């Protein structure tokens, strides 16, 4: 993850407040990462979640593409 650079879409995106409970271990890693890169913890969390969301959207598009190309044959397979 490139935490130093944010794309124009990230900068222009509307930000929504999120509050969540996390483990102490996760908090320590976030804090260390923020210190190491000179960022605020919230920036690290925002970037990590945004990159995760991007991967989920990609996975969704692959699923849609595969199921469209296989038609009904793709239904019910594990």
C-alpha atoms as a PDB file:
ATOM      1  CA  UNK A   1       0.000   0.000   0.000  1.00  0.00           C
ATOM      2  CA  UNK A   2       1.300   3.404  -0.951  1.00  0.00           C
ATOM      3  CA  UNK A   3       0.283   5.546   1.993  1.00  0.00           C
ATOM      4  CA  UNK A   4       2.249   8.587   0.868  1.00  0.00           C
ATOM      5  CA  UNK A   5       0.191   9.321  -2.236  1.00  0.00           C
ATOM      6  CA  UNK A   6      -3.555   9.638  -2.495  1.00  0.00           C
ATOM      7  CA  UNK A   7      -5.320   9.717  -5.839  1.00  0.00           C
ATOM      8  CA  UNK A   8      -7.469  12.643  -6.908  1.00  0.00           C
ATOM      9  CA  UNK A   9     -10.594  10.525  -6.403  1.00  0.00           C
ATOM     10  CA  UNK A  10      -9.668   9.902  -2.760  1.00  0.00           C
ATOM     11  CA  UNK A  11      -9.075  13.581  -2.106  1.00  0.00           C
ATOM     12  CA  UNK A  12     -12.362  14.620  -3.728  1.00  0.00           C
ATOM     13  CA  UNK A  13     -14.436  11.859  -2.125  1.00  0.00           C
ATOM     14  CA  UNK A  14     -16.949  12.788   0.547  1.00  0.00           C
ATOM     15  CA  UNK A  15     -15.769  11.551   3.927  1.00  0.00           C
ATOM     16  CA  UNK A  16     -18.156   9.809   6.295  1.00  0.00           C
ATOM     17  CA  UNK A  17     -17.457   9.437   9.995  1.00  0.00           C
ATOM     18  CA  UNK A  18     -16.787   5.859  11.131  1.00  0.00           C
ATOM     19  CA  UNK A  19     -16.296   4.726  14.682  1.00  0.00           C
ATOM     20  CA  UNK A  20     -15.238   1.176  15.423  1.00  0.00           C
ATOM     21  CA  UNK A  21     -13.697  -0.816  18.210  1.00  0.00           C
ATOM     22  CA  UNK A  22     -10.398  -2.459  17.291  1.00  0.00           C
ATOM     23  CA  UNK A  23      -7.935  -4.670  19.109  1.00  0.00           C
ATOM     24  CA  UNK A  24      -4.969  -3.209  20.934  1.00  0.00           C
ATOM     25  CA  UNK A  25      -2.660  -5.015  18.485  1.00  0.00           C
ATOM     26  CA  UNK A  26      -4.367  -3.389  15.497  1.00  0.00           C
ATOM     27  CA  UNK A  27      -4.187  -0.005  17.225  1.00  0.00           C
ATOM     28  CA  UNK A  28      -0.461  -0.408  17.864  1.00  0.00           C
ATOM     29  CA  UNK A  29       0.209  -1.344  14.244  1.00  0.00           C
ATOM     30  CA  UNK A  30      -1.862   1.593  12.982  1.00  0.00           C
ATOM     31  CA  UNK A  31      -0.042   3.955  15.338  1.00  0.00           C
ATOM     32  CA  UNK A  32       3.376   2.634  14.287  1.00  0.00           C
ATOM     33  CA  UNK A  33       2.500   2.910  10.603  1.00  0.00           C
ATOM     34  CA  UNK A  34       1.218   6.444  11.065  1.00  0.00           C
ATOM     35  CA  UNK A  35       4.386   7.475  12.891  1.00  0.00           C
ATOM     36  CA  UNK A  36       6.657   5.785  10.337  1.00  0.00           C
ATOM     37  CA  UNK A  37       4.999   7.565   7.413  1.00  0.00           C
ATOM     38  CA  UNK A  38       4.205  10.858   9.126  1.00  0.00           C
ATOM     39  CA  UNK A  39       0.447  10.407   8.824  1.00  0.00           C
ATOM     40  CA  UNK A  40      -2.531  10.526  11.101  1.00  0.00           C
ATOM     41  CA  UNK A  41      -3.965   7.176  12.117  1.00  0.00           C
ATOM     42  CA  UNK A  42      -7.254   8.069  10.456  1.00  0.00           C
ATOM     43  CA  UNK A  43      -5.425   8.506   7.129  1.00  0.00           C
ATOM     44  CA  UNK A  44      -3.920   5.031   7.423  1.00  0.00           C
ATOM     45  CA  UNK A  45      -7.322   3.498   8.201  1.00  0.00           C
ATOM     46  CA  UNK A  46      -9.041   5.438   5.409  1.00  0.00           C
ATOM     47  CA  UNK A  47      -6.456   4.368   2.832  1.00  0.00           C
ATOM     48  CA  UNK A  48      -6.489   0.716   3.949  1.00  0.00           C
ATOM     49  CA  UNK A  49     -10.297   0.544   3.819  1.00  0.00           C
ATOM     50  CA  UNK A  50     -10.446   2.323   0.465  1.00  0.00           C
ATOM     51  CA  UNK A  51      -7.936  -0.120  -1.042  1.00  0.00           C
ATOM     52  CA  UNK A  52      -9.906  -3.052   0.439  1.00  0.00           C
ATOM     53  CA  UNK A  53     -13.108  -1.650  -1.095  1.00  0.00           C
ATOM     54  CA  UNK A  54     -11.387  -1.308  -4.463  1.00  0.00           C
ATOM     55  CA  UNK A  55     -10.346  -4.987  -4.322  1.00  0.00           C
ATOM     56  CA  UNK A  56     -13.913  -6.021  -3.414  1.00  0.00           C
ATOM     57  CA  UNK A  57     -15.305  -4.079  -6.383  1.00  0.00           C
ATOM     58  CA  UNK A  58     -12.760  -5.772  -8.655  1.00  0.00           C
ATOM     59  CA  UNK A  59     -13.732  -9.200  -7.292  1.00  0.00           C
ATOM     60  CA  UNK A  60     -17.391  -8.357  -7.941  1.00  0.00           C
ATOM     61  CA  UNK A  61     -16.705  -7.369 -11.521  1.00  0.00           C
ATOM     62  CA  UNK A  62     -14.798 -10.615 -12.120  1.00  0.00           C
ATOM     63  CA  UNK A  63     -17.694 -12.622 -10.657  1.00  0.00           C
ATOM     64  CA  UNK A  64     -20.194 -10.781 -12.874  1.00  0.00           C
ATOM     65  CA  UNK A  65     -18.043 -11.270 -15.954  1.00  0.00           C
ATOM     66  CA  UNK A  66     -17.599 -14.996 -15.287  1.00  0.00           C
ATOM     67  CA  UNK A  67     -21.237 -15.664 -14.499  1.00  0.00           C
ATOM     68  CA  UNK A  68     -22.375 -13.755 -17.592  1.00  0.00           C
ATOM     69  CA  UNK A  69     -19.983 -15.672 -19.842  1.00  0.00           C
ATOM     70  CA  UNK A  70     -20.939 -19.062 -18.372  1.00  0.00           C
ATOM     71  CA  UNK A  71     -24.670 -18.337 -18.218  1.00  0.00           C
ATOM     72  CA  UNK A  72     -26.789 -20.793 -16.271  1.00  0.00           C
ATOM     73  CA  UNK A  73     -23.945 -23.339 -16.310  1.00  0.00           C
ATOM     74  CA  UNK A  74     -22.231 -21.300 -13.597  1.00  0.00           C
ATOM     75  CA  UNK A  75     -25.170 -21.532 -11.181  1.00  0.00           C
ATOM     76  CA  UNK A  76     -24.892 -23.821  -8.204  1.00  0.00           C
ATOM     77  CA  UNK A  77     -21.211 -24.671  -8.632  1.00  0.00           C
ATOM     78  CA  UNK A  78     -18.981 -24.548  -5.592  1.00  0.00           C
END
